[in-house]
PDB file of N, CA and C in Angstrom:
ATOM      1  N   MET A   1      70.355 125.407 101.048  1.00  0.00           N
ATOM      2  CA  MET A   1      70.923 125.679 102.319  1.00  0.00           C
ATOM      3  C   MET A   1      71.701 126.709 102.347  1.00  0.00           C
ATOM      4  N   ASN A   2      71.558 127.732 103.335  1.00  0.00           N
ATOM      5  CA  ASN A   2      72.428 129.060 103.450  1.00  0.00           C
ATOM      6  C   ASN A   2      73.639 128.806 104.129  1.00  0.00           C
ATOM      7  N   PRO A   3      74.691 128.941 103.636  1.00  0.00           N
ATOM      8  CA  PRO A   3      76.034 128.784 104.456  1.00  0.00           C
ATOM      9  C   PRO A   3      76.184 129.794 105.368  1.00  0.00           C
ATOM     10  N   LEU A   4      76.861 129.345 106.585  1.00  0.00           N
ATOM     11  CA  LEU A   4      77.007 130.388 107.998  1.00  0.00           C
ATOM     12  C   LEU A   4      78.026 131.559 107.490  1.00  0.00           C
ATOM     13  N   PRO A   5      77.925 132.611 107.923  1.00  0.00           N
ATOM     14  CA  PRO A   5      78.742 133.565 107.982  1.00  0.00           C
ATOM     15  C   PRO A   5      80.185 133.125 108.127  1.00  0.00           C
ATOM     16  N   GLU A   6      81.172 133.865 107.250  1.00  0.00           N
ATOM     17  CA  GLU A   6      82.571 133.303 107.449  1.00  0.00           C
ATOM     18  C   GLU A   6      83.046 133.875 108.624  1.00  0.00           C
ATOM     19  N   LEU A   7      84.285 133.412 109.328  1.00  0.00           N
ATOM     20  CA  LEU A   7      84.562 133.689 110.526  1.00  0.00           C
ATOM     21  C   LEU A   7      85.967 134.524 110.653  1.00  0.00           C
ATOM     22  N   SER A   8      86.245 135.242 111.422  1.00  0.00           N
ATOM     23  CA  SER A   8      87.482 135.975 111.535  1.00  0.00           C
ATOM     24  C   SER A   8      88.435 134.826 112.234  1.00  0.00           C
ATOM     25  N   ARG A   9      89.799 135.410 112.418  1.00  0.00           N
ATOM     26  CA  ARG A   9      90.588 134.562 112.998  1.00  0.00           C
ATOM     27  C   ARG A   9      90.505 134.098 114.519  1.00  0.00           C
ATOM     28  N   ARG A  10      90.019 134.932 115.291  1.00  0.00           N
ATOM     29  CA  ARG A  10      89.533 134.745 116.603  1.00  0.00           C
ATOM     30  C   ARG A  10      88.369 134.032 116.635  1.00  0.00           C
ATOM     31  N   GLU A  11      87.502 134.212 115.735  1.00  0.00           N
ATOM     32  CA  GLU A  11      86.170 133.390 115.896  1.00  0.00           C
ATOM     33  C   GLU A  11      86.545 131.811 115.536  1.00  0.00           C
ATOM     34  N   ARG A  12      87.235 131.589 114.534  1.00  0.00           N
ATOM     35  CA  ARG A  12      87.833 130.349 114.329  1.00  0.00           C
ATOM     36  C   ARG A  12      88.584 129.722 115.221  1.00  0.00           C
ATOM     37  N   GLU A  13      89.302 130.466 115.835  1.00  0.00           N
ATOM     38  CA  GLU A  13      90.077 129.650 117.114  1.00  0.00           C
ATOM     39  C   GLU A  13      89.071 129.240 118.185  1.00  0.00           C
ATOM     40  N   VAL A  14      88.213 130.221 118.499  1.00  0.00           N
ATOM     41  CA  VAL A  14      86.971 129.928 119.401  1.00  0.00           C
ATOM     42  C   VAL A  14      86.227 128.787 118.989  1.00  0.00           C
ATOM     43  N   MET A  15      85.834 128.714 117.549  1.00  0.00           N
ATOM     44  CA  MET A  15      85.293 127.436 117.252  1.00  0.00           C
ATOM     45  C   MET A  15      86.074 126.544 117.197  1.00  0.00           C
ATOM     46  N   ASP A  16      87.110 126.482 116.889  1.00  0.00           N
ATOM     47  CA  ASP A  16      88.031 125.027 116.931  1.00  0.00           C
ATOM     48  C   ASP A  16      88.154 124.396 118.331  1.00  0.00           C
ATOM     49  N   LEU A  17      88.263 125.483 119.216  1.00  0.00           N
ATOM     50  CA  LEU A  17      88.155 125.078 120.909  1.00  0.00           C
ATOM     51  C   LEU A  17      86.838 124.510 121.288  1.00  0.00           C
ATOM     52  N   VAL A  18      85.502 125.000 120.683  1.00  0.00           N
ATOM     53  CA  VAL A  18      84.552 124.626 121.159  1.00  0.00           C
ATOM     54  C   VAL A  18      84.209 123.298 120.575  1.00  0.00           C
ATOM     55  N   TYR A  19      84.813 122.791 119.563  1.00  0.00           N
ATOM     56  CA  TYR A  19      84.901 121.426 118.948  1.00  0.00           C
ATOM     57  C   TYR A  19      85.653 120.646 119.816  1.00  0.00           C
ATOM     58  N   GLU A  20      87.056 121.042 120.175  1.00  0.00           N
ATOM     59  CA  GLU A  20      87.816 120.320 120.748  1.00  0.00           C
ATOM     60  C   GLU A  20      87.274 120.210 122.314  1.00  0.00           C
ATOM     61  N   LEU A  21      86.778 120.973 123.073  1.00  0.00           N
ATOM     62  CA  LEU A  21      86.628 120.869 124.393  1.00  0.00           C
ATOM     63  C   LEU A  21      84.849 120.265 124.695  1.00  0.00           C
ATOM     64  N   GLY A  22      84.484 120.270 123.563  1.00  0.00           N
ATOM     65  CA  GLY A  22      82.602 119.989 123.855  1.00  0.00           C
ATOM     66  C   GLY A  22      81.825 121.209 123.906  1.00  0.00           C
ATOM     67  N   THR A  23      81.436 121.432 125.409  1.00  0.00           N
ATOM     68  CA  THR A  23      80.446 122.248 125.657  1.00  0.00           C
ATOM     69  C   THR A  23      81.352 123.189 126.751  1.00  0.00           C
ATOM     70  N   PRO A  24      82.045 124.110 126.360  1.00  0.00           N
ATOM     71  CA  PRO A  24      82.875 124.847 127.182  1.00  0.00           C
ATOM     72  C   PRO A  24      81.994 126.171 127.731  1.00  0.00           C
ATOM     73  N   THR A  25      82.549 126.800 128.759  1.00  0.00           N
ATOM     74  CA  THR A  25      82.174 128.038 129.103  1.00  0.00           C
ATOM     75  C   THR A  25      83.030 128.980 128.557  1.00  0.00           C
ATOM     76  N   ALA A  26      82.767 130.450 128.661  1.00  0.00           N
ATOM     77  CA  ALA A  26      83.808 131.348 128.322  1.00  0.00           C
ATOM     78  C   ALA A  26      85.085 131.398 129.112  1.00  0.00           C
ATOM     79  N   ALA A  27      84.930 131.044 130.287  1.00  0.00           N
ATOM     80  CA  ALA A  27      86.419 130.900 130.996  1.00  0.00           C
ATOM     81  C   ALA A  27      87.029 129.861 130.614  1.00  0.00           C
ATOM     82  N   GLN A  28      86.603 128.570 130.259  1.00  0.00           N
ATOM     83  CA  GLN A  28      87.463 127.562 129.852  1.00  0.00           C
ATOM     84  C   GLN A  28      87.882 127.726 128.377  1.00  0.00           C
ATOM     85  N   LEU A  29      87.248 128.583 127.563  1.00  0.00           N
ATOM     86  CA  LEU A  29      87.564 129.165 126.378  1.00  0.00           C
ATOM     87  C   LEU A  29      88.900 129.991 126.400  1.00  0.00           C
ATOM     88  N   GLN A  30      88.594 131.065 127.222  1.00  0.00           N
ATOM     89  CA  GLN A  30      89.806 131.836 127.565  1.00  0.00           C
ATOM     90  C   GLN A  30      91.221 131.275 127.975  1.00  0.00           C
ATOM     91  N   GLU A  31      90.954 130.372 128.872  1.00  0.00           N
ATOM     92  CA  GLU A  31      92.032 129.528 129.282  1.00  0.00           C
ATOM     93  C   GLU A  31      92.930 128.712 128.533  1.00  0.00           C
ATOM     94  N   ASN A  32      92.242 128.319 127.099  1.00  0.00           N
ATOM     95  CA  ASN A  32      92.775 127.558 126.400  1.00  0.00           C
ATOM     96  C   ASN A  32      93.163 128.178 124.766  1.00  0.00           C
ATOM     97  N   MET A  33      92.954 129.584 125.002  1.00  0.00           N
ATOM     98  CA  MET A  33      93.139 130.458 123.852  1.00  0.00           C
ATOM     99  C   MET A  33      94.664 130.610 123.811  1.00  0.00           C
ATOM    100  N   ALA A  34      95.200 130.863 122.719  1.00  0.00           N
ATOM    101  CA  ALA A  34      96.569 131.447 122.285  1.00  0.00           C
ATOM    102  C   ALA A  34      96.369 133.108 122.612  1.00  0.00           C
ATOM    103  N   ASP A  35      97.286 133.412 123.339  1.00  0.00           N
ATOM    104  CA  ASP A  35      97.545 134.906 123.576  1.00  0.00           C
ATOM    105  C   ASP A  35      95.826 135.392 123.769  1.00  0.00           C
ATOM    106  N   PRO A  36      95.320 134.974 124.817  1.00  0.00           N
ATOM    107  CA  PRO A  36      94.016 135.212 125.210  1.00  0.00           C
ATOM    108  C   PRO A  36      93.504 136.509 125.598  1.00  0.00           C
ATOM    109  N   PRO A  37      92.433 137.215 124.951  1.00  0.00           N
ATOM    110  CA  PRO A  37      91.895 138.293 125.289  1.00  0.00           C
ATOM    111  C   PRO A  37      91.291 138.171 126.618  1.00  0.00           C
ATOM    112  N   THR A  38      90.822 139.538 126.736  1.00  0.00           N
ATOM    113  CA  THR A  38      90.044 139.720 128.020  1.00  0.00           C
ATOM    114  C   THR A  38      88.873 138.826 128.117  1.00  0.00           C
ATOM    115  N   TYR A  39      88.298 138.502 129.393  1.00  0.00           N
ATOM    116  CA  TYR A  39      87.065 137.649 129.609  1.00  0.00           C
ATOM    117  C   TYR A  39      86.055 138.626 129.002  1.00  0.00           C
ATOM    118  N   SER A  40      86.050 139.639 128.764  1.00  0.00           N
ATOM    119  CA  SER A  40      84.674 140.294 128.402  1.00  0.00           C
ATOM    120  C   SER A  40      84.871 140.288 126.946  1.00  0.00           C
ATOM    121  N   ALA A  41      86.152 140.307 126.245  1.00  0.00           N
ATOM    122  CA  ALA A  41      86.277 140.159 124.695  1.00  0.00           C
ATOM    123  C   ALA A  41      85.832 138.874 124.136  1.00  0.00           C
ATOM    124  N   VAL A  42      86.031 137.770 124.985  1.00  0.00           N
ATOM    125  CA  VAL A  42      85.949 136.240 124.816  1.00  0.00           C
ATOM    126  C   VAL A  42      84.461 136.397 124.913  1.00  0.00           C
ATOM    127  N   ARG A  43      83.598 136.843 125.837  1.00  0.00           N
ATOM    128  CA  ARG A  43      82.192 137.086 125.856  1.00  0.00           C
ATOM    129  C   ARG A  43      81.523 137.264 124.545  1.00  0.00           C
ATOM    130  N   SER A  44      82.439 138.793 124.056  1.00  0.00           N
ATOM    131  CA  SER A  44      81.673 139.425 122.808  1.00  0.00           C
ATOM    132  C   SER A  44      81.855 138.719 121.525  1.00  0.00           C
ATOM    133  N   ILE A  45      82.832 137.824 121.482  1.00  0.00           N
ATOM    134  CA  ILE A  45      83.047 136.839 120.417  1.00  0.00           C
ATOM    135  C   ILE A  45      82.050 135.974 120.466  1.00  0.00           C
ATOM    136  N   LEU A  46      81.755 135.305 121.644  1.00  0.00           N
ATOM    137  CA  LEU A  46      80.704 134.370 121.803  1.00  0.00           C
ATOM    138  C   LEU A  46      79.385 134.452 121.314  1.00  0.00           C
ATOM    139  N   ARG A  47      79.095 136.048 121.796  1.00  0.00           N
ATOM    140  CA  ARG A  47      77.702 136.553 121.534  1.00  0.00           C
ATOM    141  C   ARG A  47      77.580 136.686 119.808  1.00  0.00           C
ATOM    142  N   GLY A  48      78.657 136.981 119.477  1.00  0.00           N
ATOM    143  CA  GLY A  48      78.738 137.236 117.803  1.00  0.00           C
ATOM    144  C   GLY A  48      78.628 135.788 117.013  1.00  0.00           C
ATOM    145  N   LEU A  49      79.240 135.063 117.596  1.00  0.00           N
ATOM    146  CA  LEU A  49      78.987 133.469 116.942  1.00  0.00           C
ATOM    147  C   LEU A  49      77.663 133.083 117.288  1.00  0.00           C
ATOM    148  N   VAL A  50      77.020 133.390 118.263  1.00  0.00           N
ATOM    149  CA  VAL A  50      75.535 132.770 118.562  1.00  0.00           C
ATOM    150  C   VAL A  50      74.972 133.516 117.663  1.00  0.00           C
ATOM    151  N   THR A  51      75.063 134.938 117.515  1.00  0.00           N
ATOM    152  CA  THR A  51      74.310 135.719 116.517  1.00  0.00           C
ATOM    153  C   THR A  51      74.346 135.244 115.057  1.00  0.00           C
ATOM    154  N   LYS A  52      75.595 135.092 114.704  1.00  0.00           N
ATOM    155  CA  LYS A  52      75.985 134.573 113.459  1.00  0.00           C
ATOM    156  C   LYS A  52      75.499 132.991 113.177  1.00  0.00           C
ATOM    157  N   GLY A  53      74.849 132.479 114.226  1.00  0.00           N
ATOM    158  CA  GLY A  53      74.231 130.991 113.854  1.00  0.00           C
ATOM    159  C   GLY A  53      75.517 129.860 114.197  1.00  0.00           C
ATOM    160  N   HIS A  54      76.625 130.062 114.443  1.00  0.00           N
ATOM    161  CA  HIS A  54      77.684 128.985 114.617  1.00  0.00           C
ATOM    162  C   HIS A  54      77.611 128.389 116.009  1.00  0.00           C
ATOM    163  N   LEU A  55      77.033 128.802 116.929  1.00  0.00           N
ATOM    164  CA  LEU A  55      76.848 128.373 118.324  1.00  0.00           C
ATOM    165  C   LEU A  55      75.447 128.896 118.893  1.00  0.00           C
ATOM    166  N   VAL A  56      75.353 127.901 120.119  1.00  0.00           N
ATOM    167  CA  VAL A  56      74.301 128.021 120.931  1.00  0.00           C
ATOM    168  C   VAL A  56      74.630 128.090 122.106  1.00  0.00           C
ATOM    169  N   SER A  57      73.832 128.669 122.932  1.00  0.00           N
ATOM    170  CA  SER A  57      74.233 128.850 124.401  1.00  0.00           C
ATOM    171  C   SER A  57      73.157 128.276 125.291  1.00  0.00           C
ATOM    172  N   GLU A  58      73.471 127.766 126.432  1.00  0.00           N
ATOM    173  CA  GLU A  58      72.668 126.908 127.459  1.00  0.00           C
ATOM    174  C   GLU A  58      72.841 127.466 128.581  1.00  0.00           C
ATOM    175  N   PRO A  59      72.240 127.890 129.460  1.00  0.00           N
ATOM    176  CA  PRO A  59      72.586 128.331 130.705  1.00  0.00           C
ATOM    177  C   PRO A  59      72.975 127.005 131.813  1.00  0.00           C
ATOM    178  N   ASP A  60      73.941 127.151 132.771  1.00  0.00           N
ATOM    179  CA  ASP A  60      74.348 126.233 133.609  1.00  0.00           C
ATOM    180  C   ASP A  60      74.590 126.997 134.830  1.00  0.00           C
ATOM    181  N   GLY A  61      73.327 127.340 135.784  1.00  0.00           N
ATOM    182  CA  GLY A  61      73.815 128.033 136.673  1.00  0.00           C
ATOM    183  C   GLY A  61      74.052 129.509 136.406  1.00  0.00           C
ATOM    184  N   PRO A  62      75.179 130.200 136.974  1.00  0.00           N
ATOM    185  CA  PRO A  62      75.521 131.342 136.834  1.00  0.00           C
ATOM    186  C   PRO A  62      76.184 131.657 135.274  1.00  0.00           C
ATOM    187  N   ARG A  63      76.687 130.794 134.755  1.00  0.00           N
ATOM    188  CA  ARG A  63      77.387 130.520 133.407  1.00  0.00           C
ATOM    189  C   ARG A  63      76.757 130.082 132.233  1.00  0.00           C
ATOM    190  N   TYR A  64      77.103 130.360 131.150  1.00  0.00           N
ATOM    191  CA  TYR A  64      76.647 129.709 129.916  1.00  0.00           C
ATOM    192  C   TYR A  64      77.608 128.424 129.337  1.00  0.00           C
ATOM    193  N   LEU A  65      77.045 127.464 128.758  1.00  0.00           N
ATOM    194  CA  LEU A  65      77.797 126.631 127.937  1.00  0.00           C
ATOM    195  C   LEU A  65      77.544 126.572 126.626  1.00  0.00           C
ATOM    196  N   TYR A  66      78.569 126.544 125.779  1.00  0.00           N
ATOM    197  CA  TYR A  66      78.603 127.056 124.265  1.00  0.00           C
ATOM    198  C   TYR A  66      78.759 125.417 123.336  1.00  0.00           C
ATOM    199  N   SER A  67      77.764 125.184 122.500  1.00  0.00           N
ATOM    200  CA  SER A  67      78.044 124.100 121.645  1.00  0.00           C
ATOM    201  C   SER A  67      77.695 124.756 120.214  1.00  0.00           C
ATOM    202  N   PRO A  68      78.470 123.959 119.158  1.00  0.00           N
ATOM    203  CA  PRO A  68      78.361 124.202 117.818  1.00  0.00           C
ATOM    204  C   PRO A  68      77.024 123.782 117.064  1.00  0.00           C
ATOM    205  N   THR A  69      76.480 124.522 116.220  1.00  0.00           N
ATOM    206  CA  THR A  69      75.330 124.343 115.460  1.00  0.00           C
ATOM    207  C   THR A  69      75.529 122.981 114.450  1.00  0.00           C
ATOM    208  N   MET A  70      76.504 123.113 114.184  1.00  0.00           N
ATOM    209  CA  MET A  70      77.110 122.155 113.126  1.00  0.00           C
ATOM    210  C   MET A  70      77.462 120.914 113.588  1.00  0.00           C
ATOM    211  N   PRO A  71      77.254 119.727 113.113  1.00  0.00           N
ATOM    212  CA  PRO A  71      77.872 118.632 113.815  1.00  0.00           C
ATOM    213  C   PRO A  71      79.397 118.358 113.232  1.00  0.00           C
ATOM    214  N   ALA A  72      80.149 117.879 114.153  1.00  0.00           N
ATOM    215  CA  ALA A  72      81.919 117.871 113.959  1.00  0.00           C
ATOM    216  C   ALA A  72      82.143 117.383 112.544  1.00  0.00           C
ATOM    217  N   LEU A  73      81.376 116.204 112.326  1.00  0.00           N
ATOM    218  CA  LEU A  73      81.678 115.735 110.842  1.00  0.00           C
ATOM    219  C   LEU A  73      81.374 116.685 110.105  1.00  0.00           C
ATOM    220  N   ARG A  74      80.447 117.387 110.002  1.00  0.00           N
ATOM    221  CA  ARG A  74      79.980 118.319 108.788  1.00  0.00           C
ATOM    222  C   ARG A  74      81.098 119.280 108.886  1.00  0.00           C
ATOM    223  N   ALA A  75      81.347 119.839 110.002  1.00  0.00           N
ATOM    224  CA  ALA A  75      82.676 120.858 109.944  1.00  0.00           C
ATOM    225  C   ALA A  75      83.823 120.502 109.647  1.00  0.00           C
ATOM    226  N   ARG A  76      84.089 119.162 109.993  1.00  0.00           N
ATOM    227  CA  ARG A  76      85.567 118.489 109.289  1.00  0.00           C
ATOM    228  C   ARG A  76      85.600 118.620 107.903  1.00  0.00           C
ATOM    229  N   ARG A  77      84.293 118.112 107.520  1.00  0.00           N
ATOM    230  CA  ARG A  77      84.361 118.285 105.921  1.00  0.00           C
ATOM    231  C   ARG A  77      84.509 119.559 105.275  1.00  0.00           C
ATOM    232  N   SER A  78      83.792 120.460 105.665  1.00  0.00           N
ATOM    233  CA  SER A  78      83.652 121.869 105.721  1.00  0.00           C
ATOM    234  C   SER A  78      85.159 122.250 105.345  1.00  0.00           C
ATOM    235  N   ALA A  79      85.636 121.968 106.497  1.00  0.00           N
ATOM    236  CA  ALA A  79      87.138 122.583 106.777  1.00  0.00           C
ATOM    237  C   ALA A  79      88.085 122.167 105.845  1.00  0.00           C
ATOM    238  N   MET A  80      88.121 120.618 105.759  1.00  0.00           N
ATOM    239  CA  MET A  80      88.829 119.900 104.818  1.00  0.00           C
ATOM    240  C   MET A  80      88.446 120.568 103.243  1.00  0.00           C
ATOM    241  N   ARG A  81      86.948 120.789 102.868  1.00  0.00           N
ATOM    242  CA  ARG A  81      87.143 121.384 101.443  1.00  0.00           C
ATOM    243  C   ARG A  81      87.913 122.595 101.287  1.00  0.00           C
ATOM    244  N   ARG A  82      87.793 123.393 102.494  1.00  0.00           N
ATOM    245  CA  ARG A  82      88.528 124.756 102.263  1.00  0.00           C
ATOM    246  C   ARG A  82      90.050 124.593 102.010  1.00  0.00           C
ATOM    247  N   VAL A  83      90.695 123.907 103.028  1.00  0.00           N
ATOM    248  CA  VAL A  83      92.147 123.374 102.939  1.00  0.00           C
ATOM    249  C   VAL A  83      92.323 122.967 101.768  1.00  0.00           C
ATOM    250  N   LEU A  84      91.737 121.922 100.977  1.00  0.00           N
ATOM    251  CA  LEU A  84      91.759 121.020  99.847  1.00  0.00           C
ATOM    252  C   LEU A  84      91.850 122.315  98.697  1.00  0.00           C
ATOM    253  N   LYS A  85      90.881 123.046  98.681  1.00  0.00           N
ATOM    254  CA  LYS A  85      90.683 124.330  97.720  1.00  0.00           C
ATOM    255  C   LYS A  85      91.757 125.241  97.658  1.00  0.00           C
ATOM    256  N   THR A  86      91.989 125.800  98.825  1.00  0.00           N
ATOM    257  CA  THR A  86      92.929 126.855  99.010  1.00  0.00           C
ATOM    258  C   THR A  86      94.657 126.306  98.979  1.00  0.00           C
ATOM    259  N   PHE A  87      94.951 125.193  99.449  1.00  0.00           N
ATOM    260  CA  PHE A  87      96.203 124.987  99.596  1.00  0.00           C
ATOM    261  C   PHE A  87      96.769 123.967  98.569  1.00  0.00           C
ATOM    262  N   PHE A  88      95.722 123.111  98.104  1.00  0.00           N
ATOM    263  CA  PHE A  88      96.191 121.905  96.967  1.00  0.00           C
ATOM    264  C   PHE A  88      95.402 122.210  95.794  1.00  0.00           C
ATOM    265  N   GLY A  89      94.710 123.214  95.366  1.00  0.00           N
ATOM    266  CA  GLY A  89      94.178 123.224  94.163  1.00  0.00           C
ATOM    267  C   GLY A  89      93.229 122.125  93.701  1.00  0.00           C
ATOM    268  N   ASP A  90      92.548 121.779  94.981  1.00  0.00           N
ATOM    269  CA  ASP A  90      91.442 120.807  94.767  1.00  0.00           C
ATOM    270  C   ASP A  90      92.130 119.287  94.576  1.00  0.00           C
ATOM    271  N   SER A  91      93.328 119.140  94.518  1.00  0.00           N
ATOM    272  CA  SER A  91      94.090 117.931  94.469  1.00  0.00           C
ATOM    273  C   SER A  91      94.169 117.114  95.691  1.00  0.00           C
ATOM    274  N   VAL A  92      93.401 115.904  95.815  1.00  0.00           N
ATOM    275  CA  VAL A  92      93.311 115.139  96.845  1.00  0.00           C
ATOM    276  C   VAL A  92      94.484 114.600  97.022  1.00  0.00           C
ATOM    277  N   GLU A  93      95.113 114.110  95.960  1.00  0.00           N
ATOM    278  CA  GLU A  93      96.499 113.376  95.681  1.00  0.00           C
ATOM    279  C   GLU A  93      97.580 114.393  96.561  1.00  0.00           C
ATOM    280  N   GLY A  94      97.594 115.592  96.169  1.00  0.00           N
ATOM    281  CA  GLY A  94      98.608 116.559  96.907  1.00  0.00           C
ATOM    282  C   GLY A  94      98.146 116.541  98.359  1.00  0.00           C
ATOM    283  N   ALA A  95      97.189 116.522  98.690  1.00  0.00           N
ATOM    284  CA  ALA A  95      96.826 116.601 100.092  1.00  0.00           C
ATOM    285  C   ALA A  95      97.208 115.479 100.947  1.00  0.00           C
ATOM    286  N   VAL A  96      96.866 114.220 100.474  1.00  0.00           N
ATOM    287  CA  VAL A  96      97.271 112.875 100.772  1.00  0.00           C
ATOM    288  C   VAL A  96      98.787 112.702 100.823  1.00  0.00           C
ATOM    289  N   ALA A  97      99.575 113.402  99.948  1.00  0.00           N
ATOM    290  CA  ALA A  97     100.959 113.225  99.859  1.00  0.00           C
ATOM    291  C   ALA A  97     101.596 113.909 100.980  1.00  0.00           C
ATOM    292  N   THR A  98     100.853 115.153 101.328  1.00  0.00           N
ATOM    293  CA  THR A  98     101.549 116.107 102.163  1.00  0.00           C
ATOM    294  C   THR A  98     101.194 115.302 103.836  1.00  0.00           C
ATOM    295  N   LEU A  99     100.097 115.018 103.805  1.00  0.00           N
ATOM    296  CA  LEU A  99      99.812 114.235 105.204  1.00  0.00           C
ATOM    297  C   LEU A  99     100.695 113.009 105.465  1.00  0.00           C
ATOM    298  N   LEU A 100     100.920 112.220 104.400  1.00  0.00           N
ATOM    299  CA  LEU A 100     101.734 110.990 104.627  1.00  0.00           C
ATOM    300  C   LEU A 100     103.270 111.768 104.709  1.00  0.00           C
ATOM    301  N   GLU A 101     103.696 112.675 104.009  1.00  0.00           N
ATOM    302  CA  GLU A 101     105.059 113.409 104.607  1.00  0.00           C
ATOM    303  C   GLU A 101     105.399 113.699 105.886  1.00  0.00           C
ATOM    304  N   LEU A 102     104.061 114.365 106.498  1.00  0.00           N
ATOM    305  CA  LEU A 102     103.930 114.632 107.877  1.00  0.00           C
ATOM    306  C   LEU A 102     103.910 113.862 109.008  1.00  0.00           C
ATOM    307  N   ARG A 103     103.789 112.482 108.570  1.00  0.00           N
ATOM    308  CA  ARG A 103     103.620 111.417 109.450  1.00  0.00           C
ATOM    309  C   ARG A 103     105.137 111.025 109.660  1.00  0.00           C
ATOM    310  N   GLU A 104     105.582 111.078 110.903  1.00  0.00           N
ATOM    311  CA  GLU A 104     107.000 110.353 111.095  1.00  0.00           C
ATOM    312  C   GLU A 104     106.757 109.034 111.448  1.00  0.00           C
ATOM    313  N   GLY A 105     107.766 108.189 110.809  1.00  0.00           N
ATOM    314  CA  GLY A 105     107.536 106.737 110.776  1.00  0.00           C
ATOM    315  C   GLY A 105     106.469 106.015 110.032  1.00  0.00           C
ATOM    316  N   GLY A 106     105.899 106.609 108.968  1.00  0.00           N
ATOM    317  CA  GLY A 106     105.043 106.260 108.183  1.00  0.00           C
ATOM    318  C   GLY A 106     103.701 105.687 108.745  1.00  0.00           C
ATOM    319  N   LEU A 107     102.838 104.897 108.023  1.00  0.00           N
ATOM    320  CA  LEU A 107     101.754 104.401 108.286  1.00  0.00           C
ATOM    321  C   LEU A 107     101.951 102.947 108.936  1.00  0.00           C
ATOM    322  N   THR A 108     101.084 102.694 109.790  1.00  0.00           N
ATOM    323  CA  THR A 108     101.188 101.400 110.535  1.00  0.00           C
ATOM    324  C   THR A 108     100.736 100.421 109.517  1.00  0.00           C
ATOM    325  N   PRO A 109     100.935  98.991 109.703  1.00  0.00           N
ATOM    326  CA  PRO A 109     100.086  98.269 108.686  1.00  0.00           C
ATOM    327  C   PRO A 109      98.668  98.350 108.623  1.00  0.00           C
ATOM    328  N   GLU A 110      98.379  98.299 109.847  1.00  0.00           N
ATOM    329  CA  GLU A 110      96.806  98.459 109.863  1.00  0.00           C
ATOM    330  C   GLU A 110      96.216  99.681 109.208  1.00  0.00           C
ATOM    331  N   GLU A 111      96.959 100.923 109.367  1.00  0.00           N
ATOM    332  CA  GLU A 111      96.614 102.112 108.580  1.00  0.00           C
ATOM    333  C   GLU A 111      96.756 102.031 107.295  1.00  0.00           C
ATOM    334  N   HIS A 112      97.508 101.377 106.741  1.00  0.00           N
ATOM    335  CA  HIS A 112      97.827 101.149 105.340  1.00  0.00           C
ATOM    336  C   HIS A 112      96.561 100.371 104.946  1.00  0.00           C
ATOM    337  N   ALA A 113      96.432  99.462 105.549  1.00  0.00           N
ATOM    338  CA  ALA A 113      95.077  98.355 105.019  1.00  0.00           C
ATOM    339  C   ALA A 113      93.899  99.157 104.827  1.00  0.00           C
ATOM    340  N   ARG A 114      93.558  99.870 106.035  1.00  0.00           N
ATOM    341  CA  ARG A 114      92.298 100.712 105.985  1.00  0.00           C
ATOM    342  C   ARG A 114      92.171 101.647 104.852  1.00  0.00           C
ATOM    343  N   LEU A 115      93.310 102.334 104.520  1.00  0.00           N
ATOM    344  CA  LEU A 115      93.459 103.497 103.618  1.00  0.00           C
ATOM    345  C   LEU A 115      93.133 102.593 102.240  1.00  0.00           C
ATOM    346  N   GLN A 116      94.134 101.588 102.019  1.00  0.00           N
ATOM    347  CA  GLN A 116      93.918 100.615 100.769  1.00  0.00           C
ATOM    348  C   GLN A 116      92.242 100.369 100.635  1.00  0.00           C
ATOM    349  N   GLN A 117      91.818 100.156 101.544  1.00  0.00           N
ATOM    350  CA  GLN A 117      90.441  99.525 101.636  1.00  0.00           C
ATOM    351  C   GLN A 117      89.456 101.127 101.049  1.00  0.00           C
ATOM    352  N   MET A 118      89.584 101.849 101.759  1.00  0.00           N
ATOM    353  CA  MET A 118      89.146 102.996 101.263  1.00  0.00           C
ATOM    354  C   MET A 118      89.181 103.438 100.116  1.00  0.00           C
ATOM    355  N   ILE A 119      90.458 103.296  99.663  1.00  0.00           N
ATOM    356  CA  ILE A 119      90.846 103.746  98.027  1.00  0.00           C
ATOM    357  C   ILE A 119      90.102 102.928  97.278  1.00  0.00           C
ATOM    358  N   GLU A 120      89.792 101.526  97.386  1.00  0.00           N
ATOM    359  CA  GLU A 120      89.366 100.658  96.426  1.00  0.00           C
ATOM    360  C   GLU A 120      87.755 100.998  96.801  1.00  0.00           C
ATOM    361  N   LYS A 121      87.100 101.015  97.556  1.00  0.00           N
ATOM    362  CA  LYS A 121      85.732 101.303  97.748  1.00  0.00           C
ATOM    363  C   LYS A 121      85.365 102.641  97.089  1.00  0.00           C
ATOM    364  N   ALA A 122      86.028 103.612  96.934  1.00  0.00           N
ATOM    365  CA  ALA A 122      86.059 105.028  96.371  1.00  0.00           C
ATOM    366  C   ALA A 122      86.158 104.738  94.796  1.00  0.00           C
ATOM    367  N   ALA A 123      87.042 103.823  94.459  1.00  0.00           N
ATOM    368  CA  ALA A 123      87.119 103.491  92.881  1.00  0.00           C
ATOM    369  C   ALA A 123      85.810 102.784  92.513  1.00  0.00           C
ATOM    370  N   GLU A 124      85.460 101.676  93.344  1.00  0.00           N
ATOM    371  CA  GLU A 124      84.285 101.002  92.969  1.00  0.00           C
ATOM    372  C   GLU A 124      83.048 101.922  92.940  1.00  0.00           C
ATOM    373  N   GLU A 125      82.782 102.894  93.629  1.00  0.00           N
ATOM    374  CA  GLU A 125      81.880 103.889  93.636  1.00  0.00           C
ATOM    375  C   GLU A 125      81.747 105.002  92.646  1.00  0.00           C
ATOM    376  N   GLY A 126      82.770 104.987  91.999  1.00  0.00           N
ATOM    377  CA  GLY A 126      83.221 106.094  91.272  1.00  0.00           C
ATOM    378  C   GLY A 126      83.496 107.347  91.479  1.00  0.00           C
ATOM    379  N   ARG A 127      84.374 107.383  92.647  1.00  0.00           N
ATOM    380  CA  ARG A 127      84.695 108.524  93.135  1.00  0.00           C
ATOM    381  C   ARG A 127      86.185 109.044  93.113  1.00  0.00           C
TER     382      ARG A 127
END
């Protein structure tokens, strides 16, 4: 399977918003962007993402709705792999330690139990 082309900072921002908003229009994306570019610039970014295979567009009256070609779960895993490699040297322990440090108030007993179960399951499966 060929990976999709890499994204610029603005393209990544648009993709993140598409995953967050569901199937937004160009205007909805522009409204939610940090330091938003012009409407025509947003449309240009969207055309590029469609051309690169990251998005599909569907007409909805006079406007278009945009949705990702990659399911959210697969996108999350891909993003996490990049973060793990880039910032943690592929150390799952380092990434989890950082996440736990960021969590004010620590884990709830339920979260702790679920994480413990996941760790035990991964150990049983040899991961």
